Structures are given as C-alpha cells and as structure tokens.
Amino acid sequence: MAEHEVCRLDELASGTIRCFEVGATKVAIARIDDELYAIDDTCSHEEFSLSEGELFVDERAVECAKHGSVFDLKTGEPRSLPATKPVAVYPVRVRDGVVVVELPG
C-alpha cells in the first residue's frame, strides 16, 4: 500500500464528500464529524461519480446520483439496487492535519 496526502483536514467540511484524483485512481473521501471514509469514486453499476451523489450522514452511506444505488461507506457494499457489486474502500486517516489515503501499489 502506498500513502498519498490528498488535502488538509480543514479543507474537508463535516457532512461532505469530495473526489480526489490520486494517480490514476479517483477516490471519494467523506467526512462525518471526526470520522473519514475513503471509497472508489466510481459507481459499480455504471461509471458515474459517487461524490456527486447525496451523502447520508446518519447511515454512513452515499447515493449514486445517476440511478440511486446506495453504498456503505465502511464496507463499499451496495445497500440498494441497481448496483450488486461493491466498490473498493481504502484506509484513510489524518496525520499532522493532513488527510492521508492508502492505495494499492
């Protein structure tokens, strides 16, 4: 796994999700209070950015804006159709005020 710094924590407001390009990978990072989640930004049902969808704070999930599939931020598993395949999740943490995500390779 390789570590990548993506932004300062104060640039990611609580209750938001944003896409970051990390090399060739687009990663959606969500912040809910002091918790961070990093998942692949592309819906597994059809290529569409998950970070453009709605973040469900209480459910720790994100909804794809294109067809409405909802994905669990912790596991990447779909919670609703039409998606049936999970999206990748990545370790993410804060180091010295900077959000760091770990990706394969």
Protein backbone atom coordinates (compact mmCIF):
# COMPACT_ATOMS: atom_id res chain seq x y z
CA MET A 1 0.00 0.00 0.00
CA ALA A 2 1.22 3.49 -0.82
CA GLU A 3 0.28 6.55 1.22
CA HIS A 4 -0.97 9.69 -0.52
CA GLU A 5 -1.71 13.08 1.00
CA VAL A 6 -4.93 14.44 -0.50
CA CYS A 7 -5.83 17.63 1.38
CA ARG A 8 -5.74 19.39 4.71
CA LEU A 9 -8.45 18.20 7.10
CA ASP A 10 -9.81 21.75 7.46
CA GLU A 11 -10.47 21.79 3.68
CA LEU A 12 -13.00 18.94 4.07
CA ALA A 13 -16.06 20.08 5.98
CA SER A 14 -18.03 17.64 8.10
CA GLY A 15 -21.03 16.24 6.25
CA THR A 16 -19.37 16.47 2.84
CA ILE A 17 -17.90 14.10 0.28
CA ARG A 18 -15.32 15.09 -2.36
CA CYS A 19 -13.46 13.40 -5.18
CA PHE A 20 -9.67 13.41 -5.26
CA GLU A 21 -7.53 12.11 -8.10
CA VAL A 22 -4.74 10.04 -6.62
CA GLY A 23 -2.59 8.98 -9.53
CA ALA A 24 -4.93 7.09 -11.86
CA THR A 25 -7.50 6.43 -9.11
CA LYS A 26 -10.46 8.65 -8.26
CA VAL A 27 -11.19 8.40 -4.54
CA ALA A 28 -14.29 9.79 -2.81
CA ILE A 29 -13.47 10.93 0.71
CA ALA A 30 -16.31 11.64 3.11
CA ARG A 31 -16.02 13.40 6.44
CA ILE A 32 -18.66 12.87 9.08
CA ASP A 33 -17.74 14.67 12.29
CA ASP A 34 -14.26 13.33 13.13
CA GLU A 35 -14.60 10.18 11.02
CA LEU A 36 -13.20 9.83 7.48
CA TYR A 37 -14.17 7.29 4.83
CA ALA A 38 -12.45 6.66 1.50
CA ILE A 39 -14.10 4.67 -1.29
CA ASP A 40 -13.66 4.33 -5.02
CA ASP A 41 -15.44 7.29 -6.60
CA THR A 42 -16.93 5.28 -9.48
CA CYS A 43 -20.28 3.53 -9.03
CA SER A 44 -20.02 -0.23 -9.66
CA HIS A 45 -23.32 -0.26 -11.56
CA GLU A 46 -22.44 2.30 -14.20
CA GLU A 47 -19.50 4.66 -14.45
CA PHE A 48 -20.63 7.70 -12.53
CA SER A 49 -19.02 9.72 -9.75
CA LEU A 50 -20.27 8.77 -6.29
CA SER A 51 -19.02 12.04 -4.83
CA GLU A 52 -21.65 13.82 -6.93
CA GLY A 53 -24.37 11.93 -5.05
CA GLU A 54 -26.03 12.52 -1.72
CA LEU A 55 -24.16 11.74 1.49
CA PHE A 56 -26.36 10.11 4.15
CA VAL A 57 -24.62 11.12 7.36
CA ASP A 58 -26.63 9.05 9.84
CA GLU A 59 -26.48 5.93 7.66
CA ARG A 60 -22.77 6.34 6.78
CA ALA A 61 -23.65 5.87 3.11
CA VAL A 62 -23.59 7.65 -0.25
CA GLU A 63 -26.18 7.51 -3.01
CA CYS A 64 -25.19 7.47 -6.68
CA ALA A 65 -26.90 10.42 -8.35
CA LYS A 66 -27.38 8.55 -11.63
CA HIS A 67 -29.51 5.55 -10.67
CA GLY A 68 -29.92 5.78 -6.90
CA SER A 69 -27.76 2.89 -5.69
CA VAL A 70 -26.66 3.44 -2.10
CA PHE A 71 -23.21 2.30 -0.92
CA ASP A 72 -21.99 1.68 2.62
CA LEU A 73 -19.02 3.97 3.34
CA LYS A 74 -17.39 1.45 5.71
CA THR A 75 -17.59 -1.66 3.52
CA GLY A 76 -18.29 -0.42 -0.01
CA GLU A 77 -21.20 -2.87 -0.23
CA PRO A 78 -24.30 -1.75 -2.13
CA ARG A 79 -27.38 -1.33 0.05
CA SER A 80 -29.81 -0.98 -2.83
CA LEU A 81 -30.28 -1.87 -6.46
CA PRO A 82 -29.44 -1.50 -9.26
CA ALA A 83 -25.83 -1.95 -8.05
CA THR A 84 -24.95 -5.50 -6.99
CA LYS A 85 -21.15 -5.25 -6.73
CA PRO A 86 -19.23 -3.39 -4.02
CA VAL A 87 -16.82 -0.53 -4.60
CA ALA A 88 -13.33 -0.55 -3.12
CA VAL A 89 -12.72 1.05 0.27
CA TYR A 90 -9.34 2.41 1.33
CA PRO A 91 -7.66 3.11 4.67
CA VAL A 92 -7.73 6.84 5.46
CA ARG A 93 -6.50 8.86 8.42
CA VAL A 94 -5.27 12.28 9.47
CA ARG A 95 -1.56 12.87 10.01
CA ASP A 96 -0.41 16.29 11.20
CA GLY A 97 -3.66 17.87 9.97
CA VAL A 98 -3.39 16.28 6.53
CA VAL A 99 -5.77 13.61 5.15
CA VAL A 100 -3.78 10.57 4.02
CA VAL A 101 -5.27 7.70 1.99
CA GLU A 102 -3.61 4.35 1.32
CA LEU A 103 -3.96 2.80 -2.12
CA PRO A 104 -2.61 -0.46 -3.56
CA GLY A 105 0.70 -0.21 -5.37
